[in-house]
Amino acid sequence: MVDLPDHQTLKRIEVFDKTFSKPPINRNHIRLYGHYLCPFVEITRLVLAFKQIPYQDCQVSLLSRTKWHYKLNNGFVPILELPSGDHIYESDVISTYLDQAYPTD
């Protein structure tokens, strides 16, 4: 997992229980739903780190998925949740979005 400097990390959320309700939308920062061992989530983390984009990390269990996680993306990760409440799925689509929304020099 990519470690970001302290000023770029927000309080991590860990969802490892099926009864855990969906966290309210973070209206100030994007949120990445993922799992520690998923290489596609790691790709997204690398893009976020390279672009120095602050985000909230939400770790979900892939063994004990919640109903709201299934409703978002059939239980798959990564999921990027925008402050507007919109969601973007799949690492390549997320990377393209981040590249366009946060251009670098």
C-alpha atoms as a PDB file:
ATOM      1  CA  MET A   1       0.000   0.000   0.000  1.00  0.00           C
ATOM      2  CA  VAL A   2       1.228   3.493  -0.812  1.00  0.00           C
ATOM      3  CA  ASP A   3       2.023   5.675   2.196  1.00  0.00           C
ATOM      4  CA  LEU A   4       1.212   9.355   1.725  1.00  0.00           C
ATOM      5  CA  PRO A   5       2.564  12.179   3.864  1.00  0.00           C
ATOM      6  CA  ASP A   6       0.357  12.953   6.862  1.00  0.00           C
ATOM      7  CA  HIS A   7      -1.120  16.087   5.274  1.00  0.00           C
ATOM      8  CA  GLN A   8      -2.566  14.019   2.450  1.00  0.00           C
ATOM      9  CA  THR A   9      -4.257  11.297   4.438  1.00  0.00           C
ATOM     10  CA  LEU A  10      -7.604  11.487   6.140  1.00  0.00           C
ATOM     11  CA  LYS A  11      -9.062   9.276   8.811  1.00  0.00           C
ATOM     12  CA  ARG A  12      -9.237   5.743   7.403  1.00  0.00           C
ATOM     13  CA  ILE A  13     -12.526   3.867   7.549  1.00  0.00           C
ATOM     14  CA  GLU A  14     -12.476   0.080   7.876  1.00  0.00           C
ATOM     15  CA  VAL A  15     -15.594  -1.889   6.982  1.00  0.00           C
ATOM     16  CA  PHE A  16     -15.075  -5.511   7.987  1.00  0.00           C
ATOM     17  CA  ASP A  17     -18.559  -6.338   9.215  1.00  0.00           C
ATOM     18  CA  LYS A  18     -21.616  -6.987   7.033  1.00  0.00           C
ATOM     19  CA  THR A  19     -23.741  -4.881   9.363  1.00  0.00           C
ATOM     20  CA  PHE A  20     -21.602  -1.743   8.942  1.00  0.00           C
ATOM     21  CA  SER A  21     -23.693   0.950   7.270  1.00  0.00           C
ATOM     22  CA  LYS A  22     -22.337   3.027   4.399  1.00  0.00           C
ATOM     23  CA  PRO A  23     -20.325   5.994   5.624  1.00  0.00           C
ATOM     24  CA  PRO A  24     -21.901   9.371   4.831  1.00  0.00           C
ATOM     25  CA  ILE A  25     -20.467  11.098   1.770  1.00  0.00           C
ATOM     26  CA  ASN A  26     -17.340  13.103   2.496  1.00  0.00           C
ATOM     27  CA  ARG A  27     -18.288  16.504   1.034  1.00  0.00           C
ATOM     28  CA  ASN A  28     -14.702  17.801   1.279  1.00  0.00           C
ATOM     29  CA  HIS A  29     -12.587  15.004  -0.176  1.00  0.00           C
ATOM     30  CA  ILE A  30     -12.802  12.078  -2.536  1.00  0.00           C
ATOM     31  CA  ARG A  31     -13.015   8.637  -0.966  1.00  0.00           C
ATOM     32  CA  LEU A  32     -11.463   5.442  -2.269  1.00  0.00           C
ATOM     33  CA  TYR A  33     -13.225   2.191  -1.425  1.00  0.00           C
ATOM     34  CA  GLY A  34     -10.833  -0.704  -1.746  1.00  0.00           C
ATOM     35  CA  HIS A  35      -9.009  -3.631  -0.206  1.00  0.00           C
ATOM     36  CA  TYR A  36      -5.370  -3.899   0.864  1.00  0.00           C
ATOM     37  CA  LEU A  37      -4.620  -6.852  -1.390  1.00  0.00           C
ATOM     38  CA  CYS A  38      -6.311  -5.685  -4.584  1.00  0.00           C
ATOM     39  CA  PRO A  39      -3.792  -4.696  -7.283  1.00  0.00           C
ATOM     40  CA  PHE A  40      -6.382  -2.529  -9.041  1.00  0.00           C
ATOM     41  CA  VAL A  41      -6.908  -0.493  -5.878  1.00  0.00           C
ATOM     42  CA  GLU A  42      -3.123  -0.153  -5.585  1.00  0.00           C
ATOM     43  CA  ILE A  43      -3.003   1.321  -9.104  1.00  0.00           C
ATOM     44  CA  THR A  44      -5.503   3.954  -8.017  1.00  0.00           C
ATOM     45  CA  ARG A  45      -3.500   4.678  -4.849  1.00  0.00           C
ATOM     46  CA  LEU A  46      -0.368   5.162  -6.935  1.00  0.00           C
ATOM     47  CA  VAL A  47      -2.141   7.689  -9.166  1.00  0.00           C
ATOM     48  CA  LEU A  48      -3.464   9.533  -6.108  1.00  0.00           C
ATOM     49  CA  ALA A  49       0.035   9.581  -4.572  1.00  0.00           C
ATOM     50  CA  PHE A  50       1.708  10.732  -7.790  1.00  0.00           C
ATOM     51  CA  LYS A  51      -0.776  13.560  -8.191  1.00  0.00           C
ATOM     52  CA  GLN A  52      -0.644  14.315  -4.444  1.00  0.00           C
ATOM     53  CA  ILE A  53      -4.424  14.242  -4.188  1.00  0.00           C
ATOM     54  CA  PRO A  54      -5.759  14.045  -0.624  1.00  0.00           C
ATOM     55  CA  TYR A  55      -8.369  11.339  -0.215  1.00  0.00           C
ATOM     56  CA  GLN A  56     -10.140   9.284   2.400  1.00  0.00           C
ATOM     57  CA  ASP A  57      -9.323   5.586   2.363  1.00  0.00           C
ATOM     58  CA  CYS A  58     -12.171   3.169   3.078  1.00  0.00           C
ATOM     59  CA  GLN A  59     -11.071  -0.437   3.419  1.00  0.00           C
ATOM     60  CA  VAL A  60     -13.816  -2.974   2.752  1.00  0.00           C
ATOM     61  CA  SER A  61     -13.859  -6.696   3.362  1.00  0.00           C
ATOM     62  CA  LEU A  62     -14.028  -8.793   0.223  1.00  0.00           C
ATOM     63  CA  LEU A  63     -15.020 -11.839   2.276  1.00  0.00           C
ATOM     64  CA  SER A  64     -17.858 -10.200   4.176  1.00  0.00           C
ATOM     65  CA  ARG A  65     -19.274  -7.634   1.741  1.00  0.00           C
ATOM     66  CA  THR A  66     -22.078  -5.347   2.799  1.00  0.00           C
ATOM     67  CA  LYS A  67     -25.339  -4.862   0.900  1.00  0.00           C
ATOM     68  CA  TRP A  68     -24.505  -1.233   0.147  1.00  0.00           C
ATOM     69  CA  HIS A  69     -21.173  -2.325  -1.354  1.00  0.00           C
ATOM     70  CA  TYR A  70     -23.024  -4.693  -3.695  1.00  0.00           C
ATOM     71  CA  LYS A  71     -25.416  -1.900  -4.654  1.00  0.00           C
ATOM     72  CA  LEU A  72     -22.515   0.409  -5.517  1.00  0.00           C
ATOM     73  CA  ASN A  73     -20.540  -1.942  -7.752  1.00  0.00           C
ATOM     74  CA  ASN A  74     -21.625  -5.569  -7.302  1.00  0.00           C
ATOM     75  CA  GLY A  75     -19.071  -5.869  -4.487  1.00  0.00           C
ATOM     76  CA  PHE A  76     -16.067  -5.012  -6.663  1.00  0.00           C
ATOM     77  CA  VAL A  77     -13.291  -2.513  -5.913  1.00  0.00           C
ATOM     78  CA  PRO A  78     -11.941   0.084  -6.480  1.00  0.00           C
ATOM     79  CA  ILE A  79     -14.727   2.613  -6.180  1.00  0.00           C
ATOM     80  CA  LEU A  80     -13.973   6.328  -6.174  1.00  0.00           C
ATOM     81  CA  GLU A  81     -16.644   8.372  -4.427  1.00  0.00           C
ATOM     82  CA  LEU A  82     -16.671  12.076  -5.290  1.00  0.00           C
ATOM     83  CA  PRO A  83     -17.774  14.817  -2.858  1.00  0.00           C
ATOM     84  CA  SER A  84     -20.887  15.204  -5.041  1.00  0.00           C
ATOM     85  CA  GLY A  85     -21.879  11.628  -4.182  1.00  0.00           C
ATOM     86  CA  ASP A  86     -21.139  10.315  -7.683  1.00  0.00           C
ATOM     87  CA  HIS A  87     -19.126   7.124  -8.061  1.00  0.00           C
ATOM     88  CA  ILE A  88     -16.498   6.036 -10.569  1.00  0.00           C
ATOM     89  CA  TYR A  89     -15.638   2.364 -11.004  1.00  0.00           C
ATOM     90  CA  GLU A  90     -12.656   0.415 -12.365  1.00  0.00           C
ATOM     91  CA  SER A  91      -9.052   1.504 -11.985  1.00  0.00           C
ATOM     92  CA  ASP A  92      -8.492   2.541 -15.611  1.00  0.00           C
ATOM     93  CA  VAL A  93     -11.616   4.724 -15.660  1.00  0.00           C
ATOM     94  CA  ILE A  94     -10.712   6.193 -12.266  1.00  0.00           C
ATOM     95  CA  SER A  95      -7.146   6.910 -13.445  1.00  0.00           C
ATOM     96  CA  THR A  96      -8.446   8.663 -16.554  1.00  0.00           C
ATOM     97  CA  TYR A  97     -10.826  10.755 -14.461  1.00  0.00           C
ATOM     98  CA  LEU A  98      -8.064  11.725 -11.999  1.00  0.00           C
ATOM     99  CA  ASP A  99      -5.739  12.636 -14.841  1.00  0.00           C
ATOM    100  CA  GLN A 100      -8.343  14.946 -16.372  1.00  0.00           C
ATOM    101  CA  ALA A 101      -9.662  16.405 -13.114  1.00  0.00           C
ATOM    102  CA  TYR A 102      -6.220  16.940 -11.576  1.00  0.00           C
ATOM    103  CA  PRO A 103      -3.802  17.740 -14.422  1.00  0.00           C
ATOM    104  CA  THR A 104      -0.090  17.907 -13.600  1.00  0.00           C
ATOM    105  CA  ASP A 105       2.558  20.109 -15.186  1.00  0.00           C
END
